[in-house]
Amino acid sequence: PGLRLSARIAPPMIGLGLLEAIPEADIVAGADPDDRNHDGIRGRAALVPSAFHGGRTMLGRFGWKALAPTMEDQIADAFRADMGLSTTLHPEGFGECTAAQATCRDAPNGGEPEVEPRLFDLTAFYARNLGVPARAAPTPEVLRGRAIFREIGCSSCHRPSFTTGQVAGRPEHSGQRIWPYTDMLLHDMGDGLADDRAEGAATGREWRTPPLWGLGFTRVVSGHTQMLHDGRARNALEAILWHGGEAQAARDRVVALPPADRAALIAFLDSL
């Protein structure tokens, strides 16, 4: 009776090391859960335990609902939940099988841990260092689309830029101005996108603002342009039209745009 299902597609993996390097205080400073400025946007920081840091409560950064605070947490969760493989963070050989799934728990496994530490560290290094593709020089239409993006309120959640902090041993991620177009916070996206499945600090209506950098390369990399957490949107405009909740006003402004302005907005998104 308590079963909850929520379809997922894999989120882009580019720039994860840079997102991890954003100072936590800079992200939390953008939160406004009580809507103090009365703009209808109530971003909320996802505070979750980190297995990598011994259960310490930290800011969730990765996953559709900001469940994982570090790259190690994200990778260990993916090994366990997506592949059923144990790691030093989750050493159980039966993956995420529950106590009610006795047959699964009793099945043979590859040892504990199945992903030995050296392989785990290499996976984390790879995921941290996948680069963000370079953007082409913007056209006049793209520049107009960027202005429209800000004017209609998209940048309230899709914050254009951050500056990364100083990360020990990782100069390649430190002190960089980056343009991910996300505030890294949880937002109520309305009934249309609600999956009624709470996860971590997120409710069944909340989602972390997904970064938009690399959006224009979706077809090249993935072979499709399916978007949103479950791939229901066939392109960027359909993704916008599914926005509700805190994003309803911005979504309605997109609908009200003259066709030429809407085309410029999409050209800007495709340029990222």
Protein backbone atom coordinates (compact mmCIF):
# COMPACT_ATOMS: atom_id res chain seq x y z
CA PRO A 1 0.00 0.00 0.00
CA GLY A 2 2.86 2.40 0.64
CA LEU A 3 4.54 1.83 -2.72
CA ARG A 4 5.43 5.03 -4.57
CA LEU A 5 6.66 5.01 -8.18
CA SER A 6 8.38 7.85 -9.99
CA ALA A 7 9.88 7.50 -13.46
CA ARG A 8 13.35 8.95 -14.02
CA ILE A 9 15.73 9.72 -16.85
CA ALA A 10 19.41 10.24 -16.17
CA PRO A 11 20.35 13.88 -15.54
CA PRO A 12 23.34 15.39 -17.36
CA MET A 13 26.65 14.78 -15.59
CA ILE A 14 28.63 17.77 -16.86
CA GLY A 15 30.17 20.27 -14.43
CA LEU A 16 29.38 18.29 -11.28
CA GLY A 17 32.74 19.07 -9.69
CA LEU A 18 32.08 22.77 -10.19
CA LEU A 19 28.60 22.55 -8.67
CA GLU A 20 30.10 20.73 -5.70
CA ALA A 21 32.62 23.55 -5.28
CA ILE A 22 30.02 26.31 -4.85
CA PRO A 23 30.20 27.47 -1.21
CA GLU A 24 27.24 26.15 0.74
CA ALA A 25 26.63 29.57 2.28
CA ASP A 26 26.21 31.16 -1.17
CA ILE A 27 23.48 28.66 -2.07
CA VAL A 28 21.69 28.86 1.27
CA ALA A 29 21.74 32.68 1.09
CA GLY A 30 19.42 32.47 -1.91
CA ALA A 31 16.78 30.46 -0.06
CA ASP A 32 13.51 32.17 0.78
CA PRO A 33 11.17 29.47 2.14
CA ASP A 34 8.80 32.06 3.66
CA ASP A 35 8.74 34.23 0.52
CA ARG A 36 9.90 37.29 2.43
CA ASN A 37 10.24 39.33 -0.77
CA HIS A 38 6.72 38.36 -1.94
CA ASP A 39 7.78 37.29 -5.43
CA GLY A 40 6.10 33.88 -5.20
CA ILE A 41 9.44 32.03 -5.26
CA ARG A 42 10.20 30.03 -2.10
CA GLY A 43 13.45 28.20 -2.73
CA ARG A 44 14.41 25.86 0.09
CA ALA A 45 17.78 24.35 0.95
CA ALA A 46 17.80 20.55 0.99
CA LEU A 47 19.58 19.52 4.20
CA VAL A 48 20.38 15.80 4.11
CA PRO A 49 22.77 13.37 5.86
CA SER A 50 26.06 12.52 4.14
CA ALA A 51 27.19 8.90 4.41
CA PHE A 52 30.61 10.00 3.15
CA HIS A 53 30.95 12.39 6.09
CA GLY A 54 29.67 9.99 8.74
CA GLY A 55 26.04 11.06 8.72
CA ARG A 56 26.75 14.80 9.01
CA THR A 57 23.88 17.02 7.81
CA MET A 58 24.92 18.91 4.68
CA LEU A 59 23.38 20.72 1.73
CA GLY A 60 22.00 18.32 -0.88
CA ARG A 61 23.27 19.17 -4.36
CA PHE A 62 22.88 16.20 -6.69
CA GLY A 63 19.96 14.24 -8.07
CA TRP A 64 16.53 15.39 -9.17
CA LYS A 65 15.57 16.06 -5.55
CA ALA A 66 18.98 17.07 -4.19
CA LEU A 67 19.36 13.86 -2.21
CA ALA A 68 23.19 13.67 -2.30
CA PRO A 69 25.47 16.35 -0.78
CA THR A 70 28.78 15.11 -2.23
CA MET A 71 29.96 13.34 -5.36
CA GLU A 72 30.86 10.32 -3.24
CA ASP A 73 27.35 10.18 -1.79
CA GLN A 74 25.81 10.46 -5.25
CA ILE A 75 27.99 7.71 -6.71
CA ALA A 76 27.51 5.34 -3.78
CA ASP A 77 23.73 5.84 -3.97
CA ALA A 78 23.78 5.18 -7.73
CA PHE A 79 25.86 2.03 -7.36
CA ARG A 80 23.46 0.72 -4.72
CA ALA A 81 20.09 1.82 -6.11
CA ASP A 82 20.69 1.68 -9.87
CA MET A 83 23.08 -1.27 -10.10
CA GLY A 84 22.76 -3.16 -6.81
CA LEU A 85 26.49 -2.89 -6.12
CA SER A 86 27.98 -2.45 -2.67
CA THR A 87 30.62 0.14 -1.73
CA THR A 88 32.40 1.04 1.49
CA LEU A 89 29.64 3.63 2.10
CA HIS A 90 26.88 1.06 1.54
CA PRO A 91 28.54 -2.31 2.17
CA GLU A 92 25.41 -4.48 2.04
CA GLY A 93 25.73 -6.92 -0.86
CA PHE A 94 22.00 -6.92 -1.54
CA GLY A 95 21.86 -3.28 -2.65
CA GLU A 96 18.66 -1.50 -1.67
CA CYS A 97 16.54 -4.65 -1.20
CA THR A 98 14.34 -4.26 1.86
CA ALA A 99 13.78 -6.71 4.69
CA ALA A 100 10.57 -7.78 2.95
CA GLN A 101 12.60 -9.01 -0.04
CA ALA A 102 14.21 -12.06 1.53
CA THR A 103 14.98 -13.80 -1.77
CA CYS A 104 16.85 -10.76 -3.01
CA ARG A 105 18.82 -10.46 0.21
CA ASP A 106 19.75 -14.16 0.12
CA ALA A 107 20.92 -14.11 -3.52
CA PRO A 108 24.67 -14.44 -4.23
CA ASN A 109 26.64 -11.22 -4.47
CA GLY A 110 30.09 -10.18 -5.54
CA GLY A 111 31.49 -9.58 -2.07
CA GLU A 112 31.49 -6.63 0.26
CA PRO A 113 32.29 -4.22 -1.19
CA GLU A 114 31.72 -5.17 -4.81
CA VAL A 115 33.08 -1.80 -5.95
CA GLU A 116 36.57 -1.76 -4.44
CA PRO A 117 37.85 1.64 -3.19
CA ARG A 118 40.23 2.29 -6.09
CA LEU A 119 37.46 1.81 -8.65
CA PHE A 120 35.13 3.95 -6.57
CA ASP A 121 37.68 6.78 -6.41
CA LEU A 122 38.27 6.61 -10.17
CA THR A 123 34.53 6.83 -10.78
CA ALA A 124 34.29 9.89 -8.52
CA PHE A 125 37.24 11.53 -10.29
CA TYR A 126 35.66 10.92 -13.69
CA ALA A 127 32.26 12.26 -12.64
CA ARG A 128 33.78 15.35 -11.02
CA ASN A 129 35.80 16.30 -14.05
CA LEU A 130 33.40 15.96 -16.97
CA GLY A 131 33.68 19.42 -18.50
CA VAL A 132 30.94 21.78 -19.60
CA PRO A 133 30.93 22.29 -23.40
CA ALA A 134 32.04 25.68 -24.64
CA ARG A 135 29.30 27.99 -25.86
CA ALA A 136 29.35 29.46 -29.32
CA ALA A 137 29.48 33.24 -29.77
CA PRO A 138 25.95 34.54 -29.11
CA THR A 139 23.85 35.84 -31.98
CA PRO A 140 21.66 38.95 -31.63
CA GLU A 141 18.62 36.66 -31.24
CA VAL A 142 20.33 34.74 -28.42
CA LEU A 143 21.19 37.99 -26.62
CA ARG A 144 17.57 39.12 -26.93
CA GLY A 145 16.46 35.75 -25.59
CA ARG A 146 18.78 36.14 -22.61
CA ALA A 147 17.19 39.49 -21.76
CA ILE A 148 13.71 37.98 -22.04
CA PHE A 149 14.78 35.05 -19.81
CA ARG A 150 15.59 37.52 -17.05
CA GLU A 151 12.68 39.89 -17.64
CA ILE A 152 9.99 37.21 -17.31
CA GLY A 153 11.49 35.78 -14.10
CA CYS A 154 13.17 32.54 -15.22
CA SER A 155 16.40 33.63 -13.54
CA SER A 156 14.65 33.73 -10.15
CA CYS A 157 15.21 29.97 -9.93
CA HIS A 158 17.63 29.38 -12.80
CA ARG A 159 20.25 31.68 -11.28
CA PRO A 160 22.78 32.45 -14.00
CA SER A 161 26.09 32.32 -12.16
CA PHE A 162 28.10 31.48 -9.05
CA THR A 163 31.77 31.72 -8.11
CA THR A 164 33.25 28.50 -6.79
CA GLY A 165 35.18 28.44 -3.53
CA GLN A 166 38.72 27.28 -2.81
CA VAL A 167 38.72 23.48 -2.72
CA ALA A 168 41.78 21.80 -1.22
CA GLY A 169 43.67 19.74 -3.80
CA ARG A 170 41.31 20.74 -6.60
CA PRO A 171 42.60 23.93 -8.23
CA GLU A 172 40.71 23.02 -11.42
CA HIS A 173 37.43 23.62 -9.56
CA SER A 174 38.49 26.55 -7.38
CA GLY A 175 37.81 30.25 -7.78
CA GLN A 176 35.91 30.02 -11.05
CA ARG A 177 32.97 32.11 -12.24
CA ILE A 178 30.55 29.53 -13.60
CA TRP A 179 27.21 29.84 -15.41
CA PRO A 180 25.09 26.78 -14.56
CA TYR A 181 21.68 28.51 -14.48
CA THR A 182 20.46 26.94 -11.25
CA ASP A 183 20.02 28.11 -7.67
CA MET A 184 20.58 24.54 -6.37
CA LEU A 185 17.44 24.84 -4.22
CA LEU A 186 14.19 22.89 -3.92
CA HIS A 187 11.01 24.40 -5.36
CA ASP A 188 7.35 23.36 -5.38
CA MET A 189 6.62 22.86 -9.08
CA GLY A 190 2.89 22.31 -8.78
CA ASP A 191 0.45 19.46 -9.32
CA GLY A 192 1.47 18.74 -12.91
CA LEU A 193 5.03 17.75 -12.01
CA ALA A 194 4.30 16.31 -8.56
CA ASP A 195 5.22 12.64 -8.22
CA ASP A 196 3.94 12.34 -4.62
CA ARG A 197 7.19 10.62 -3.69
CA ALA A 198 9.12 12.33 -0.92
CA GLU A 199 12.87 11.82 -1.12
CA GLY A 200 15.54 13.15 1.22
CA ALA A 201 14.45 16.64 2.25
CA ALA A 202 12.14 17.07 -0.75
CA THR A 203 8.40 16.57 -0.70
CA GLY A 204 6.47 14.90 -3.49
CA ARG A 205 5.96 18.30 -5.12
CA GLU A 206 9.51 19.65 -4.85
CA TRP A 207 12.42 19.40 -7.28
CA ARG A 208 15.90 20.85 -7.31
CA THR A 209 16.30 23.48 -10.02
CA PRO A 210 18.16 21.59 -12.77
CA PRO A 211 21.19 23.33 -14.28
CA LEU A 212 20.61 24.50 -17.84
CA TRP A 213 24.21 24.58 -19.04
CA GLY A 214 24.72 22.17 -21.92
CA LEU A 215 20.96 22.10 -22.66
CA GLY A 216 21.52 22.72 -26.37
CA PHE A 217 23.72 19.61 -26.60
CA THR A 218 21.00 17.23 -25.36
CA ARG A 219 20.25 15.77 -28.78
CA VAL A 220 23.95 15.41 -29.66
CA VAL A 221 24.82 13.64 -26.40
CA SER A 222 21.65 11.66 -25.69
CA GLY A 223 20.13 11.19 -29.12
CA HIS A 224 16.84 12.80 -28.03
CA THR A 225 15.54 16.01 -26.50
CA GLN A 226 13.45 14.46 -23.72
CA MET A 227 13.47 16.74 -20.68
CA LEU A 228 12.21 16.98 -17.09
CA HIS A 229 12.73 14.24 -14.50
CA ASP A 230 10.74 11.62 -16.42
CA GLY A 231 11.37 12.72 -20.01
CA ARG A 232 7.74 13.71 -20.61
CA ALA A 233 8.71 16.98 -22.35
CA ARG A 234 9.91 16.57 -25.93
CA ASN A 235 11.74 19.91 -26.03
CA ALA A 236 12.51 23.00 -23.96
CA LEU A 237 9.19 24.72 -24.69
CA GLU A 238 7.19 21.70 -23.52
CA ALA A 239 9.32 21.57 -20.38
CA ILE A 240 8.43 25.20 -19.68
CA LEU A 241 4.73 24.52 -20.25
CA TRP A 242 4.79 21.82 -17.56
CA HIS A 243 6.04 24.34 -14.98
CA GLY A 244 3.57 25.16 -12.21
CA GLY A 245 3.60 26.05 -8.54
CA GLU A 246 6.28 28.62 -7.88
CA ALA A 247 7.06 28.78 -11.61
CA GLN A 248 3.47 29.27 -12.78
CA ALA A 249 3.80 33.04 -13.25
CA ALA A 250 6.97 32.74 -15.34
CA ARG A 251 5.39 29.93 -17.37
CA ASP A 252 2.34 32.11 -18.11
CA ARG A 253 4.59 34.97 -19.23
CA VAL A 254 6.24 32.62 -21.74
CA VAL A 255 2.81 31.69 -23.12
CA ALA A 256 1.95 35.38 -23.46
CA LEU A 257 5.12 36.27 -25.38
CA PRO A 258 4.86 37.27 -29.04
CA PRO A 259 6.07 34.36 -31.23
CA ALA A 260 9.31 36.13 -32.17
CA ASP A 261 10.19 36.73 -28.52
CA ARG A 262 9.36 33.13 -27.62
CA ALA A 263 11.62 31.93 -30.45
CA ALA A 264 14.41 34.16 -29.12
CA LEU A 265 13.97 32.67 -25.64
CA ILE A 266 14.25 29.13 -27.01
CA ALA A 267 17.29 30.14 -29.10
CA PHE A 268 18.92 31.37 -25.89
CA LEU A 269 18.21 28.08 -24.10
CA ASP A 270 19.56 26.13 -27.06
CA SER A 271 22.74 28.21 -26.88
CA LEU A 272 23.59 27.10 -23.35
